Amino acid sequence: MSGIKKLLFWAVLLTAGYYGLDYVTIQTRGDVVAYKRFAKALIENDPYSARQAANEDLAAKVFESNDERMSRFEGGRVLFTYFNVISDHTSNSGETSNLTVEQVSRVASGGNTGIWGDRAVRVVHRVALEQKKNQQWKVVSFSDPAIR
């Protein structure tokens, strides 16, 4: 019986390690990090950082609808945000990437709501990125429900 428990323990540990490594690999890719930098700039209402992560015309266009985007939080305080990559596709040349990402922000509406807040605001973004000659990824297209 002891051998079966050890085998089960190692099977669970290896499975968790495999999925954990896959998650870390995706979340630390250059294109995903560039998207997260851009999305964070939008939440923090930081046009300078948005222009660093995207081309300037796109950043300016996206910030035109930032008031509507921020109204999703209904005046609550964003405690933290995480990102679930739903799908990703990188071109064969490795110079373009298309992502579909769910942005989940935990929000505290007021009072003592703990570290998780009292609700989650979920938004799905579709993003296209290009890798520039200096190996830096830039957002070139951004689809958000707040942009019309």
N, C-alpha and C. Protein backbone atom coordinates (compact mmCIF):
# COMPACT_ATOMS: atom_id res chain seq x y z
N MET A 1 0.82 -1.19 0.00
CA MET A 1 0.00 0.00 0.00
C MET A 1 0.86 1.25 0.00
N SER A 2 1.98 1.22 0.63
CA SER A 2 2.87 2.37 0.69
C SER A 2 3.39 2.76 -0.69
N GLY A 3 3.63 1.77 -1.53
CA GLY A 3 4.12 2.03 -2.88
C GLY A 3 3.09 2.75 -3.74
N ILE A 4 1.82 2.42 -3.56
CA ILE A 4 0.76 3.07 -4.33
C ILE A 4 0.63 4.53 -3.91
N LYS A 5 0.74 4.80 -2.62
CA LYS A 5 0.66 6.19 -2.13
C LYS A 5 1.82 7.02 -2.68
N LYS A 6 3.01 6.43 -2.71
CA LYS A 6 4.17 7.15 -3.25
C LYS A 6 3.98 7.43 -4.74
N LEU A 7 3.50 6.45 -5.47
CA LEU A 7 3.26 6.61 -6.90
C LEU A 7 2.21 7.71 -7.15
N LEU A 8 1.14 7.68 -6.39
CA LEU A 8 0.10 8.69 -6.51
C LEU A 8 0.65 10.08 -6.17
N PHE A 9 1.44 10.16 -5.11
CA PHE A 9 2.06 11.43 -4.71
C PHE A 9 2.91 11.99 -5.84
N TRP A 10 3.76 11.15 -6.44
CA TRP A 10 4.64 11.62 -7.51
C TRP A 10 3.85 11.98 -8.77
N ALA A 11 2.79 11.25 -9.05
CA ALA A 11 1.96 11.56 -10.21
C ALA A 11 1.29 12.92 -10.05
N VAL A 12 0.76 13.18 -8.87
CA VAL A 12 0.12 14.48 -8.61
C VAL A 12 1.17 15.59 -8.64
N LEU A 13 2.32 15.37 -8.05
CA LEU A 13 3.37 16.38 -8.03
C LEU A 13 3.88 16.70 -9.44
N LEU A 14 4.09 15.70 -10.26
CA LEU A 14 4.55 15.92 -11.63
C LEU A 14 3.49 16.63 -12.47
N THR A 15 2.24 16.28 -12.29
CA THR A 15 1.16 16.94 -13.04
C THR A 15 1.08 18.42 -12.65
N ALA A 16 1.13 18.70 -11.36
CA ALA A 16 1.10 20.09 -10.89
C ALA A 16 2.32 20.85 -11.40
N GLY A 17 3.47 20.23 -11.41
CA GLY A 17 4.68 20.87 -11.92
C GLY A 17 4.58 21.16 -13.41
N TYR A 18 4.02 20.24 -14.17
CA TYR A 18 3.87 20.44 -15.60
C TYR A 18 2.96 21.63 -15.89
N TYR A 19 1.79 21.68 -15.25
CA TYR A 19 0.86 22.78 -15.49
C TYR A 19 1.40 24.10 -14.93
N GLY A 20 2.11 24.05 -13.82
CA GLY A 20 2.72 25.26 -13.26
C GLY A 20 3.79 25.82 -14.19
N LEU A 21 4.61 24.96 -14.77
CA LEU A 21 5.64 25.40 -15.71
C LEU A 21 5.01 25.98 -16.96
N ASP A 22 3.95 25.37 -17.46
CA ASP A 22 3.24 25.88 -18.63
C ASP A 22 2.69 27.28 -18.35
N TYR A 23 2.09 27.47 -17.18
CA TYR A 23 1.53 28.77 -16.81
C TYR A 23 2.63 29.83 -16.75
N VAL A 24 3.73 29.52 -16.10
CA VAL A 24 4.83 30.48 -15.98
C VAL A 24 5.44 30.78 -17.35
N THR A 25 5.56 29.77 -18.20
CA THR A 25 6.12 29.97 -19.53
C THR A 25 5.28 30.94 -20.34
N ILE A 26 3.97 30.79 -20.30
CA ILE A 26 3.09 31.69 -21.05
C ILE A 26 3.10 33.09 -20.46
N GLN A 27 3.01 33.20 -19.14
CA GLN A 27 2.90 34.51 -18.49
C GLN A 27 4.18 35.34 -18.58
N THR A 28 5.31 34.72 -18.89
CA THR A 28 6.57 35.47 -18.96
C THR A 28 7.08 35.65 -20.38
N ARG A 29 6.28 35.24 -21.39
CA ARG A 29 6.67 35.49 -22.78
C ARG A 29 6.67 36.99 -23.05
N GLY A 30 7.52 37.44 -23.94
CA GLY A 30 7.66 38.86 -24.23
C GLY A 30 6.39 39.53 -24.70
N ASP A 31 5.62 38.86 -25.57
CA ASP A 31 4.39 39.47 -26.06
C ASP A 31 3.33 39.60 -24.96
N VAL A 32 3.24 38.59 -24.11
CA VAL A 32 2.27 38.64 -23.01
C VAL A 32 2.66 39.71 -22.00
N VAL A 33 3.95 39.82 -21.71
CA VAL A 33 4.41 40.86 -20.78
C VAL A 33 4.13 42.25 -21.35
N ALA A 34 4.33 42.45 -22.65
CA ALA A 34 4.04 43.75 -23.27
C ALA A 34 2.55 44.07 -23.18
N TYR A 35 1.69 43.09 -23.43
CA TYR A 35 0.24 43.31 -23.29
C TYR A 35 -0.10 43.68 -21.84
N LYS A 36 0.44 42.93 -20.88
CA LYS A 36 0.13 43.19 -19.47
C LYS A 36 0.60 44.59 -19.06
N ARG A 37 1.74 45.02 -19.59
CA ARG A 37 2.23 46.36 -19.31
C ARG A 37 1.24 47.41 -19.85
N PHE A 38 0.73 47.18 -21.05
CA PHE A 38 -0.23 48.10 -21.67
C PHE A 38 -1.54 48.11 -20.88
N ALA A 39 -2.05 46.94 -20.53
CA ALA A 39 -3.31 46.85 -19.78
C ALA A 39 -3.18 47.49 -18.40
N LYS A 40 -2.05 47.32 -17.77
CA LYS A 40 -1.83 47.94 -16.46
C LYS A 40 -1.81 49.46 -16.58
N ALA A 41 -1.22 49.98 -17.64
CA ALA A 41 -1.19 51.43 -17.86
C ALA A 41 -2.61 51.97 -18.02
N LEU A 42 -3.49 51.20 -18.66
CA LEU A 42 -4.88 51.63 -18.81
C LEU A 42 -5.59 51.68 -17.47
N ILE A 43 -5.40 50.67 -16.65
CA ILE A 43 -6.05 50.63 -15.34
C ILE A 43 -5.54 51.77 -14.46
N GLU A 44 -4.25 52.06 -14.54
CA GLU A 44 -3.66 53.11 -13.71
C GLU A 44 -3.79 54.49 -14.35
N ASN A 45 -4.45 54.57 -15.52
CA ASN A 45 -4.64 55.82 -16.24
C ASN A 45 -3.29 56.52 -16.48
N ASP A 46 -2.35 55.76 -17.03
CA ASP A 46 -0.97 56.23 -17.24
C ASP A 46 -0.65 56.25 -18.74
N PRO A 47 -0.94 57.37 -19.42
CA PRO A 47 -0.70 57.43 -20.87
C PRO A 47 0.76 57.24 -21.26
N TYR A 48 1.69 57.71 -20.44
CA TYR A 48 3.11 57.58 -20.76
C TYR A 48 3.50 56.10 -20.88
N SER A 49 3.13 55.31 -19.90
CA SER A 49 3.46 53.88 -19.94
C SER A 49 2.75 53.17 -21.09
N ALA A 50 1.53 53.61 -21.39
CA ALA A 50 0.80 53.02 -22.52
C ALA A 50 1.52 53.29 -23.83
N ARG A 51 2.06 54.51 -23.99
CA ARG A 51 2.79 54.83 -25.22
C ARG A 51 4.08 54.04 -25.32
N GLN A 52 4.66 53.66 -24.20
CA GLN A 52 5.87 52.84 -24.21
C GLN A 52 5.58 51.41 -24.68
N ALA A 53 4.37 50.93 -24.37
CA ALA A 53 4.02 49.54 -24.70
C ALA A 53 3.29 49.41 -26.03
N ALA A 54 2.86 50.53 -26.62
CA ALA A 54 2.09 50.48 -27.88
C ALA A 54 2.55 51.62 -28.77
N ASN A 55 2.09 51.59 -30.02
CA ASN A 55 2.40 52.75 -30.86
C ASN A 55 1.56 53.92 -30.38
N GLU A 56 2.06 55.15 -30.60
CA GLU A 56 1.45 56.33 -29.99
C GLU A 56 0.03 56.58 -30.46
N ASP A 57 -0.26 56.33 -31.73
CA ASP A 57 -1.62 56.55 -32.24
C ASP A 57 -2.61 55.64 -31.54
N LEU A 58 -2.25 54.38 -31.36
CA LEU A 58 -3.14 53.43 -30.69
C LEU A 58 -3.35 53.84 -29.23
N ALA A 59 -2.28 54.20 -28.55
CA ALA A 59 -2.40 54.60 -27.15
C ALA A 59 -3.33 55.80 -27.01
N ALA A 60 -3.20 56.79 -27.89
CA ALA A 60 -4.07 57.97 -27.84
C ALA A 60 -5.52 57.58 -28.08
N LYS A 61 -5.77 56.71 -29.05
CA LYS A 61 -7.14 56.28 -29.36
C LYS A 61 -7.75 55.53 -28.18
N VAL A 62 -6.98 54.65 -27.58
CA VAL A 62 -7.49 53.85 -26.47
C VAL A 62 -7.81 54.74 -25.27
N PHE A 63 -6.99 55.74 -25.02
CA PHE A 63 -7.23 56.61 -23.86
C PHE A 63 -8.43 57.52 -24.05
N GLU A 64 -8.92 57.68 -25.29
CA GLU A 64 -10.13 58.46 -25.51
C GLU A 64 -11.34 57.82 -24.81
N SER A 65 -11.33 56.52 -24.65
CA SER A 65 -12.45 55.82 -24.02
C SER A 65 -12.10 55.31 -22.62
N ASN A 66 -11.06 55.87 -22.00
CA ASN A 66 -10.64 55.36 -20.70
C ASN A 66 -11.64 55.66 -19.60
N ASP A 67 -12.39 56.76 -19.69
CA ASP A 67 -13.40 57.05 -18.67
C ASP A 67 -14.46 55.96 -18.66
N GLU A 68 -14.89 55.56 -19.85
CA GLU A 68 -15.88 54.48 -19.94
C GLU A 68 -15.29 53.17 -19.41
N ARG A 69 -14.03 52.92 -19.71
CA ARG A 69 -13.36 51.71 -19.24
C ARG A 69 -13.29 51.70 -17.71
N MET A 70 -12.97 52.84 -17.11
CA MET A 70 -12.85 52.91 -15.65
C MET A 70 -14.22 52.83 -14.96
N SER A 71 -15.29 53.17 -15.68
CA SER A 71 -16.62 53.09 -15.07
C SER A 71 -17.03 51.66 -14.76
N ARG A 72 -16.34 50.69 -15.36
CA ARG A 72 -16.61 49.28 -15.05
C ARG A 72 -16.41 48.98 -13.57
N PHE A 73 -15.52 49.72 -12.94
CA PHE A 73 -15.18 49.46 -11.54
C PHE A 73 -16.16 50.15 -10.60
N GLU A 74 -17.10 50.94 -11.15
CA GLU A 74 -18.17 51.59 -10.38
C GLU A 74 -17.64 52.31 -9.15
N GLY A 75 -16.53 53.00 -9.31
CA GLY A 75 -15.96 53.78 -8.21
C GLY A 75 -15.21 52.97 -7.18
N GLY A 76 -15.14 51.67 -7.37
CA GLY A 76 -14.43 50.82 -6.42
C GLY A 76 -12.92 50.91 -6.61
N ARG A 77 -12.21 50.40 -5.65
CA ARG A 77 -10.75 50.42 -5.69
C ARG A 77 -10.26 49.08 -6.21
N VAL A 78 -9.41 49.12 -7.26
CA VAL A 78 -8.85 47.90 -7.83
C VAL A 78 -7.74 47.42 -6.89
N LEU A 79 -7.93 46.23 -6.33
CA LEU A 79 -6.94 45.68 -5.41
C LEU A 79 -5.80 45.01 -6.15
N PHE A 80 -6.14 44.19 -7.13
CA PHE A 80 -5.12 43.57 -7.98
C PHE A 80 -5.79 43.06 -9.25
N THR A 81 -4.96 42.81 -10.24
CA THR A 81 -5.45 42.33 -11.53
C THR A 81 -4.57 41.17 -11.98
N TYR A 82 -5.21 40.15 -12.54
CA TYR A 82 -4.44 39.06 -13.15
C TYR A 82 -5.02 38.78 -14.52
N PHE A 83 -4.28 38.03 -15.32
CA PHE A 83 -4.61 37.82 -16.71
C PHE A 83 -4.62 36.34 -17.04
N ASN A 84 -5.69 35.88 -17.70
CA ASN A 84 -5.79 34.51 -18.18
C ASN A 84 -5.66 34.54 -19.70
N VAL A 85 -4.61 33.96 -20.23
CA VAL A 85 -4.43 33.90 -21.67
C VAL A 85 -5.34 32.79 -22.19
N ILE A 86 -6.36 33.19 -22.95
CA ILE A 86 -7.34 32.24 -23.48
C ILE A 86 -6.78 31.57 -24.73
N SER A 87 -6.23 32.37 -25.63
CA SER A 87 -5.60 31.79 -26.82
C SER A 87 -4.45 32.69 -27.26
N ASP A 88 -3.49 32.07 -27.89
CA ASP A 88 -2.34 32.82 -28.40
C ASP A 88 -1.88 32.18 -29.69
N HIS A 89 -1.44 33.03 -30.60
CA HIS A 89 -0.91 32.55 -31.87
C HIS A 89 0.25 33.45 -32.27
N THR A 90 1.39 32.86 -32.49
CA THR A 90 2.56 33.59 -32.95
C THR A 90 2.84 33.15 -34.38
N SER A 91 3.16 34.12 -35.23
CA SER A 91 3.44 33.80 -36.64
C SER A 91 4.68 32.91 -36.74
N ASN A 92 4.83 32.27 -37.89
CA ASN A 92 6.00 31.42 -38.11
C ASN A 92 7.29 32.20 -38.01
N SER A 93 7.27 33.45 -38.44
CA SER A 93 8.49 34.27 -38.35
C SER A 93 8.77 34.72 -36.92
N GLY A 94 7.78 34.62 -36.05
CA GLY A 94 7.96 35.04 -34.66
C GLY A 94 7.89 36.54 -34.46
N GLU A 95 7.46 37.27 -35.49
CA GLU A 95 7.44 38.74 -35.40
C GLU A 95 6.07 39.30 -35.07
N THR A 96 5.02 38.51 -35.17
CA THR A 96 3.68 38.98 -34.80
C THR A 96 3.02 37.96 -33.89
N SER A 97 2.15 38.48 -33.04
CA SER A 97 1.45 37.64 -32.09
C SER A 97 0.03 38.15 -31.93
N ASN A 98 -0.91 37.24 -31.82
CA ASN A 98 -2.31 37.57 -31.55
C ASN A 98 -2.73 36.88 -30.27
N LEU A 99 -3.24 37.65 -29.33
CA LEU A 99 -3.64 37.13 -28.04
C LEU A 99 -5.11 37.41 -27.78
N THR A 100 -5.77 36.49 -27.11
CA THR A 100 -7.07 36.72 -26.52
C THR A 100 -6.87 36.48 -25.03
N VAL A 101 -7.12 37.52 -24.25
CA VAL A 101 -6.79 37.48 -22.83
C VAL A 101 -7.98 37.95 -22.01
N GLU A 102 -8.27 37.24 -20.93
CA GLU A 102 -9.28 37.69 -19.99
C GLU A 102 -8.56 38.43 -18.86
N GLN A 103 -8.91 39.68 -18.69
CA GLN A 103 -8.36 40.49 -17.60
C GLN A 103 -9.34 40.42 -16.44
N VAL A 104 -8.86 40.00 -15.28
CA VAL A 104 -9.71 39.88 -14.10
C VAL A 104 -9.17 40.83 -13.03
N SER A 105 -10.00 41.80 -12.66
CA SER A 105 -9.62 42.76 -11.62
C SER A 105 -10.48 42.51 -10.39
N ARG A 106 -9.86 42.34 -9.25
CA ARG A 106 -10.58 42.20 -7.99
C ARG A 106 -10.78 43.60 -7.43
N VAL A 107 -12.03 43.94 -7.10
CA VAL A 107 -12.39 45.30 -6.74
C VAL A 107 -13.05 45.32 -5.36
N ALA A 108 -12.68 46.32 -4.57
CA ALA A 108 -13.32 46.56 -3.27
C ALA A 108 -14.21 47.78 -3.41
N SER A 109 -15.49 47.60 -3.16
CA SER A 109 -16.45 48.70 -3.32
C SER A 109 -16.46 49.63 -2.12
N GLY A 110 -16.01 49.19 -1.02
CA GLY A 110 -15.99 50.02 0.19
C GLY A 110 -16.03 49.14 1.42
N GLY A 111 -15.69 49.72 2.53
CA GLY A 111 -15.70 48.96 3.77
C GLY A 111 -14.53 47.99 3.82
N ASN A 112 -14.59 47.09 4.76
CA ASN A 112 -13.53 46.10 4.94
C ASN A 112 -13.91 44.84 4.16
N THR A 113 -13.36 44.69 2.97
CA THR A 113 -13.71 43.55 2.12
C THR A 113 -12.59 42.52 2.03
N GLY A 114 -11.55 42.68 2.79
CA GLY A 114 -10.46 41.71 2.79
C GLY A 114 -9.54 41.89 1.60
N ILE A 115 -8.64 40.94 1.42
CA ILE A 115 -7.64 41.07 0.36
C ILE A 115 -8.19 40.74 -1.02
N TRP A 116 -9.35 40.05 -1.10
CA TRP A 116 -9.91 39.66 -2.39
C TRP A 116 -10.92 40.65 -2.92
N GLY A 117 -11.34 41.60 -2.10
CA GLY A 117 -12.37 42.51 -2.54
C GLY A 117 -13.73 41.83 -2.51
N ASP A 118 -14.75 42.53 -2.98
CA ASP A 118 -16.08 41.94 -2.93
C ASP A 118 -16.62 41.53 -4.29
N ARG A 119 -15.86 41.80 -5.36
CA ARG A 119 -16.32 41.38 -6.69
C ARG A 119 -15.15 41.34 -7.67
N ALA A 120 -15.41 40.66 -8.78
CA ALA A 120 -14.43 40.57 -9.86
C ALA A 120 -15.01 41.24 -11.10
N VAL A 121 -14.19 42.03 -11.78
CA VAL A 121 -14.58 42.64 -13.05
C VAL A 121 -13.78 41.93 -14.13
N ARG A 122 -14.48 41.27 -15.05
CA ARG A 122 -13.83 40.47 -16.09
C ARG A 122 -14.07 41.11 -17.45
N VAL A 123 -12.98 41.24 -18.22
CA VAL A 123 -13.06 41.82 -19.55
C VAL A 123 -12.16 40.99 -20.47
N VAL A 124 -12.65 40.69 -21.67
CA VAL A 124 -11.86 39.95 -22.65
C VAL A 124 -11.29 40.94 -23.66
N HIS A 125 -9.97 40.89 -23.84
CA HIS A 125 -9.28 41.73 -24.81
C HIS A 125 -8.73 40.86 -25.94
N ARG A 126 -8.76 41.41 -27.13
CA ARG A 126 -8.09 40.79 -28.28
C ARG A 126 -7.00 41.75 -28.69
N VAL A 127 -5.78 41.24 -28.75
CA VAL A 127 -4.62 42.10 -28.94
C VAL A 127 -3.72 41.54 -30.04
N ALA A 128 -3.20 42.43 -30.88
CA ALA A 128 -2.18 42.05 -31.85
C ALA A 128 -0.91 42.81 -31.47
N LEU A 129 0.21 42.11 -31.52
CA LEU A 129 1.49 42.70 -31.18
C LEU A 129 2.50 42.41 -32.28
N GLU A 130 3.46 43.31 -32.41
CA GLU A 130 4.57 43.11 -33.35
C GLU A 130 5.88 43.26 -32.60
N GLN A 131 6.84 42.45 -33.02
CA GLN A 131 8.16 42.55 -32.44
C GLN A 131 8.99 43.48 -33.31
N LYS A 132 9.49 44.55 -32.71
CA LYS A 132 10.27 45.54 -33.44
C LYS A 132 11.70 45.04 -33.62
N LYS A 133 12.47 45.79 -34.39
CA LYS A 133 13.85 45.37 -34.69
C LYS A 133 14.73 45.27 -33.44
N ASN A 134 14.39 46.04 -32.40
CA ASN A 134 15.17 45.98 -31.16
C ASN A 134 14.68 44.85 -30.23
N GLN A 135 13.89 43.92 -30.76
CA GLN A 135 13.36 42.76 -30.05
C GLN A 135 12.28 43.11 -29.02
N GLN A 136 11.79 44.34 -29.04
CA GLN A 136 10.76 44.77 -28.11
C GLN A 136 9.38 44.58 -28.74
N TRP A 137 8.45 44.02 -28.00
CA TRP A 137 7.08 43.83 -28.47
C TRP A 137 6.29 45.10 -28.26
N LYS A 138 5.44 45.45 -29.24
CA LYS A 138 4.56 46.62 -29.15
C LYS A 138 3.14 46.21 -29.52
N VAL A 139 2.17 46.73 -28.80
CA VAL A 139 0.77 46.50 -29.10
C VAL A 139 0.42 47.33 -30.33
N VAL A 140 -0.12 46.70 -31.38
CA VAL A 140 -0.50 47.43 -32.59
C VAL A 140 -2.01 47.43 -32.82
N SER A 141 -2.73 46.55 -32.12
CA SER A 141 -4.18 46.52 -32.23
C SER A 141 -4.73 46.05 -30.89
N PHE A 142 -5.80 46.72 -30.45
CA PHE A 142 -6.35 46.43 -29.13
C PHE A 142 -7.86 46.50 -29.20
N SER A 143 -8.53 45.40 -28.93
CA SER A 143 -9.99 45.34 -28.96
C SER A 143 -10.51 45.23 -27.54
N ASP A 144 -11.35 46.17 -27.16
CA ASP A 144 -11.87 46.25 -25.82
C ASP A 144 -13.35 46.62 -25.92
N PRO A 145 -14.22 46.07 -25.10
CA PRO A 145 -15.65 46.43 -25.19
C PRO A 145 -15.91 47.93 -25.00
N ALA A 146 -15.01 48.66 -24.35
CA ALA A 146 -15.21 50.09 -24.13
C ALA A 146 -14.92 50.91 -25.39
N ILE A 147 -14.20 50.33 -26.35
CA ILE A 147 -13.85 51.05 -27.58
C ILE A 147 -14.93 50.77 -28.62
N ARG A 148 -15.46 51.85 -29.18
CA ARG A 148 -16.51 51.67 -30.20
C ARG A 148 -16.10 52.29 -31.48
